[in-house]
Every structure is written in structure tokens, then in C-alpha cells.
Amino acid sequence: MSTIAWKRGVVVASGVAELACAVGLLAPTTRRVAGKASAALLLAVWPANVQMSVDLGRRALEKGDAASIATFVVSVVRLPVQLPLVRAALHAR
């Protein structure tokens, strides 16, 4: 399997896991377990989001255009937002 195919598979798998957690949060009987799973998933993908911000920062430095810089800024701003999401997921009941 190529590196690109493997990376795509990981992205698809994490997306499916996010959807499963979202569905689990809807039902009161599965909400607690889905909340814990959501928190774990958010923490698991956080390093990849940090790496994405690093990559976008490098691209912004290379290109120097407004769109690249804005994309980088948004990616950095969203990183700390994940922490309250983890907390909210852990408190899902």
C-alpha cells in the first residue's frame, strides 16, 4: 500500500469514527460511552492537526499569499478549541 493510500485510509477511518461518535451522542443510552470515545478521538487526532498547522505554516511562508496565510492562521486558532471540546465530550451524559 502506498503512503498516500495509507494516509487517505487513516483520514477516512477517523471520519467514520467521528460520525459514529456523533450518532452515539444523540442517543441517551450510548451518550456516556460515545462521549468518552469522542474525547479519545479528539485527543488522538490532535497531533495530526498540529502537524497540519506546521505544514500550512511552511506553505504560507513559501507562497506568502493572503489565502495561504489565512488558512494557516485558522488552523492554529482551532487547535486550542479542541480542548474545550474534549472536556464537553467527557461531560456528555
N, C-alpha and C. Protein backbone atom coordinates (compact mmCIF):
# COMPACT_ATOMS: atom_id res chain seq x y z
N MET A 1 0.85 -1.17 0.00
CA MET A 1 0.00 0.00 0.00
C MET A 1 0.89 1.24 0.00
N SER A 2 0.56 2.19 -0.84
CA SER A 2 1.36 3.41 -0.91
C SER A 2 1.11 4.28 0.31
N THR A 3 2.03 5.19 0.54
CA THR A 3 1.90 6.11 1.66
C THR A 3 0.65 6.97 1.52
N ILE A 4 0.37 7.42 0.31
CA ILE A 4 -0.80 8.26 0.08
C ILE A 4 -2.08 7.47 0.36
N ALA A 5 -2.15 6.24 -0.10
CA ALA A 5 -3.33 5.41 0.14
C ALA A 5 -3.51 5.15 1.63
N TRP A 6 -2.40 4.92 2.34
CA TRP A 6 -2.47 4.68 3.78
C TRP A 6 -2.98 5.92 4.50
N LYS A 7 -2.44 7.10 4.14
CA LYS A 7 -2.88 8.35 4.77
C LYS A 7 -4.36 8.59 4.50
N ARG A 8 -4.79 8.33 3.28
CA ARG A 8 -6.21 8.52 2.95
C ARG A 8 -7.07 7.57 3.78
N GLY A 9 -6.62 6.34 3.95
CA GLY A 9 -7.35 5.37 4.75
C GLY A 9 -7.49 5.82 6.20
N VAL A 10 -6.43 6.40 6.74
CA VAL A 10 -6.47 6.89 8.13
C VAL A 10 -7.47 8.05 8.24
N VAL A 11 -7.46 8.94 7.26
CA VAL A 11 -8.39 10.07 7.27
C VAL A 11 -9.83 9.58 7.17
N VAL A 12 -10.08 8.62 6.28
CA VAL A 12 -11.43 8.08 6.13
C VAL A 12 -11.85 7.37 7.42
N ALA A 13 -10.96 6.59 8.01
CA ALA A 13 -11.29 5.87 9.25
C ALA A 13 -11.60 6.84 10.38
N SER A 14 -10.83 7.92 10.49
CA SER A 14 -11.10 8.88 11.56
C SER A 14 -12.42 9.61 11.31
N GLY A 15 -12.74 9.85 10.06
CA GLY A 15 -14.03 10.47 9.73
C GLY A 15 -15.20 9.56 10.08
N VAL A 16 -15.06 8.28 9.79
CA VAL A 16 -16.11 7.32 10.13
C VAL A 16 -16.25 7.24 11.66
N ALA A 17 -15.11 7.24 12.36
CA ALA A 17 -15.16 7.21 13.83
C ALA A 17 -15.85 8.46 14.38
N GLU A 18 -15.57 9.63 13.79
CA GLU A 18 -16.23 10.86 14.23
C GLU A 18 -17.74 10.77 14.03
N LEU A 19 -18.16 10.25 12.89
CA LEU A 19 -19.59 10.10 12.63
C LEU A 19 -20.24 9.12 13.61
N ALA A 20 -19.55 8.02 13.90
CA ALA A 20 -20.08 7.04 14.85
C ALA A 20 -20.22 7.66 16.24
N CYS A 21 -19.24 8.45 16.63
CA CYS A 21 -19.31 9.12 17.94
C CYS A 21 -20.48 10.11 17.95
N ALA A 22 -20.65 10.85 16.86
CA ALA A 22 -21.75 11.82 16.79
C ALA A 22 -23.10 11.12 16.91
N VAL A 23 -23.26 10.01 16.23
CA VAL A 23 -24.51 9.25 16.32
C VAL A 23 -24.70 8.74 17.75
N GLY A 24 -23.63 8.27 18.36
CA GLY A 24 -23.71 7.78 19.74
C GLY A 24 -24.09 8.87 20.72
N LEU A 25 -23.67 10.09 20.46
CA LEU A 25 -24.01 11.20 21.36
C LEU A 25 -25.49 11.57 21.28
N LEU A 26 -26.15 11.20 20.21
CA LEU A 26 -27.57 11.52 20.04
C LEU A 26 -28.47 10.69 20.95
N ALA A 27 -28.10 9.45 21.19
CA ALA A 27 -28.95 8.55 21.96
C ALA A 27 -28.56 8.58 23.44
N PRO A 28 -29.50 8.83 24.33
CA PRO A 28 -29.17 8.89 25.76
C PRO A 28 -28.50 7.62 26.29
N THR A 29 -28.87 6.45 25.77
CA THR A 29 -28.30 5.20 26.28
C THR A 29 -26.84 5.00 25.90
N THR A 30 -26.39 5.64 24.83
CA THR A 30 -25.00 5.48 24.39
C THR A 30 -24.17 6.75 24.57
N ARG A 31 -24.79 7.78 25.11
CA ARG A 31 -24.14 9.09 25.19
C ARG A 31 -22.86 9.06 26.03
N ARG A 32 -22.87 8.39 27.16
CA ARG A 32 -21.68 8.38 28.04
C ARG A 32 -20.49 7.71 27.35
N VAL A 33 -20.73 6.55 26.76
CA VAL A 33 -19.66 5.84 26.07
C VAL A 33 -19.20 6.63 24.85
N ALA A 34 -20.15 7.20 24.11
CA ALA A 34 -19.80 7.98 22.93
C ALA A 34 -19.03 9.24 23.31
N GLY A 35 -19.35 9.81 24.46
CA GLY A 35 -18.61 10.98 24.93
C GLY A 35 -17.15 10.64 25.22
N LYS A 36 -16.94 9.52 25.88
CA LYS A 36 -15.56 9.08 26.16
C LYS A 36 -14.83 8.76 24.86
N ALA A 37 -15.52 8.10 23.94
CA ALA A 37 -14.91 7.78 22.65
C ALA A 37 -14.60 9.06 21.87
N SER A 38 -15.49 10.03 21.94
CA SER A 38 -15.26 11.31 21.25
C SER A 38 -14.04 12.02 21.82
N ALA A 39 -13.93 12.04 23.14
CA ALA A 39 -12.77 12.67 23.78
C ALA A 39 -11.48 11.97 23.36
N ALA A 40 -11.50 10.65 23.36
CA ALA A 40 -10.31 9.89 22.95
C ALA A 40 -9.95 10.18 21.50
N LEU A 41 -10.96 10.24 20.65
CA LEU A 41 -10.71 10.51 19.23
C LEU A 41 -10.14 11.91 19.03
N LEU A 42 -10.72 12.89 19.72
CA LEU A 42 -10.21 14.26 19.61
C LEU A 42 -8.75 14.35 20.05
N LEU A 43 -8.42 13.65 21.11
CA LEU A 43 -7.02 13.65 21.58
C LEU A 43 -6.11 12.89 20.62
N ALA A 44 -6.64 11.83 20.02
CA ALA A 44 -5.83 11.03 19.09
C ALA A 44 -5.49 11.78 17.82
N VAL A 45 -6.41 12.60 17.33
CA VAL A 45 -6.15 13.31 16.07
C VAL A 45 -5.47 14.66 16.29
N TRP A 46 -5.36 15.09 17.54
CA TRP A 46 -4.75 16.39 17.80
C TRP A 46 -3.32 16.51 17.27
N PRO A 47 -2.44 15.52 17.45
CA PRO A 47 -1.09 15.63 16.88
C PRO A 47 -1.11 15.80 15.35
N ALA A 48 -2.04 15.14 14.69
CA ALA A 48 -2.14 15.31 13.23
C ALA A 48 -2.58 16.73 12.88
N ASN A 49 -3.46 17.30 13.70
CA ASN A 49 -3.87 18.68 13.46
C ASN A 49 -2.72 19.66 13.69
N VAL A 50 -1.89 19.38 14.68
CA VAL A 50 -0.69 20.20 14.90
C VAL A 50 0.23 20.10 13.69
N GLN A 51 0.44 18.88 13.19
CA GLN A 51 1.30 18.70 12.02
C GLN A 51 0.73 19.42 10.80
N MET A 52 -0.60 19.38 10.66
CA MET A 52 -1.23 20.09 9.55
C MET A 52 -0.95 21.59 9.65
N SER A 53 -1.01 22.14 10.86
CA SER A 53 -0.72 23.56 11.04
C SER A 53 0.73 23.88 10.69
N VAL A 54 1.64 23.00 11.08
CA VAL A 54 3.05 23.19 10.73
C VAL A 54 3.22 23.19 9.21
N ASP A 55 2.60 22.22 8.55
CA ASP A 55 2.69 22.14 7.09
C ASP A 55 2.08 23.36 6.42
N LEU A 56 0.93 23.81 6.93
CA LEU A 56 0.29 25.01 6.37
C LEU A 56 1.13 26.25 6.62
N GLY A 57 1.81 26.31 7.76
CA GLY A 57 2.71 27.43 8.04
C GLY A 57 3.87 27.47 7.07
N ARG A 58 4.42 26.31 6.77
CA ARG A 58 5.52 26.25 5.77
C ARG A 58 5.03 26.71 4.40
N ARG A 59 3.83 26.25 4.03
CA ARG A 59 3.26 26.65 2.74
C ARG A 59 3.01 28.16 2.70
N ALA A 60 2.51 28.70 3.80
CA ALA A 60 2.25 30.14 3.86
C ALA A 60 3.54 30.94 3.71
N LEU A 61 4.62 30.44 4.32
CA LEU A 61 5.91 31.11 4.18
C LEU A 61 6.42 31.05 2.74
N GLU A 62 6.23 29.91 2.10
CA GLU A 62 6.68 29.75 0.71
C GLU A 62 5.88 30.63 -0.25
N LYS A 63 4.55 30.56 -0.14
CA LYS A 63 3.69 31.29 -1.08
C LYS A 63 3.56 32.76 -0.72
N GLY A 64 3.34 33.03 0.55
CA GLY A 64 3.20 34.40 1.01
C GLY A 64 1.91 35.08 0.60
N ASP A 65 0.96 34.33 0.03
CA ASP A 65 -0.30 34.95 -0.37
C ASP A 65 -1.29 34.96 0.79
N ALA A 66 -2.29 35.82 0.65
CA ALA A 66 -3.27 36.01 1.73
C ALA A 66 -4.03 34.74 2.05
N ALA A 67 -4.40 33.97 1.04
CA ALA A 67 -5.18 32.75 1.26
C ALA A 67 -4.38 31.73 2.07
N SER A 68 -3.12 31.54 1.75
CA SER A 68 -2.27 30.59 2.48
C SER A 68 -2.07 31.03 3.92
N ILE A 69 -1.86 32.31 4.10
CA ILE A 69 -1.66 32.85 5.46
C ILE A 69 -2.94 32.70 6.28
N ALA A 70 -4.08 33.02 5.68
CA ALA A 70 -5.36 32.89 6.39
C ALA A 70 -5.64 31.44 6.77
N THR A 71 -5.35 30.52 5.85
CA THR A 71 -5.57 29.11 6.13
C THR A 71 -4.70 28.66 7.31
N PHE A 72 -3.46 29.11 7.32
CA PHE A 72 -2.56 28.78 8.42
C PHE A 72 -3.08 29.35 9.74
N VAL A 73 -3.50 30.60 9.73
CA VAL A 73 -3.99 31.24 10.96
C VAL A 73 -5.21 30.49 11.50
N VAL A 74 -6.13 30.15 10.63
CA VAL A 74 -7.33 29.41 11.07
C VAL A 74 -6.94 28.06 11.67
N SER A 75 -5.97 27.39 11.05
CA SER A 75 -5.55 26.08 11.57
C SER A 75 -4.93 26.19 12.95
N VAL A 76 -4.22 27.28 13.21
CA VAL A 76 -3.61 27.48 14.53
C VAL A 76 -4.67 27.86 15.56
N VAL A 77 -5.61 28.71 15.16
CA VAL A 77 -6.66 29.14 16.09
C VAL A 77 -7.54 27.97 16.52
N ARG A 78 -7.74 27.02 15.64
CA ARG A 78 -8.64 25.92 16.00
C ARG A 78 -7.98 24.89 16.94
N LEU A 79 -6.67 24.89 17.04
CA LEU A 79 -6.01 23.90 17.91
C LEU A 79 -6.45 23.99 19.37
N PRO A 80 -6.42 25.15 20.00
CA PRO A 80 -6.85 25.18 21.41
C PRO A 80 -8.35 24.98 21.59
N VAL A 81 -9.13 25.14 20.54
CA VAL A 81 -10.57 24.93 20.63
C VAL A 81 -10.88 23.46 20.90
N GLN A 82 -9.99 22.58 20.50
CA GLN A 82 -10.23 21.16 20.72
C GLN A 82 -10.26 20.79 22.19
N LEU A 83 -9.54 21.52 23.02
CA LEU A 83 -9.51 21.18 24.44
C LEU A 83 -10.87 21.35 25.11
N PRO A 84 -11.60 22.45 24.90
CA PRO A 84 -12.96 22.51 25.45
C PRO A 84 -13.88 21.44 24.85
N LEU A 85 -13.63 21.06 23.60
CA LEU A 85 -14.44 20.00 23.00
C LEU A 85 -14.20 18.67 23.72
N VAL A 86 -12.96 18.40 24.07
CA VAL A 86 -12.64 17.18 24.83
C VAL A 86 -13.36 17.22 26.18
N ARG A 87 -13.29 18.35 26.83
CA ARG A 87 -13.97 18.50 28.13
C ARG A 87 -15.48 18.29 28.00
N ALA A 88 -16.07 18.89 26.98
CA ALA A 88 -17.52 18.74 26.76
C ALA A 88 -17.85 17.28 26.47
N ALA A 89 -17.02 16.61 25.69
CA ALA A 89 -17.28 15.20 25.38
C ALA A 89 -17.23 14.34 26.63
N LEU A 90 -16.27 14.63 27.50
CA LEU A 90 -16.16 13.86 28.75
C LEU A 90 -17.34 14.09 29.68
N HIS A 91 -18.00 15.22 29.55
CA HIS A 91 -19.15 15.52 30.40
C HIS A 91 -20.49 15.16 29.76
N ALA A 92 -20.43 14.53 28.60
CA ALA A 92 -21.69 14.12 27.95
C ALA A 92 -22.34 13.03 28.78
N ARG A 93 -23.59 13.23 29.10
CA ARG A 93 -24.33 12.24 29.90
C ARG A 93 -25.69 12.00 29.32
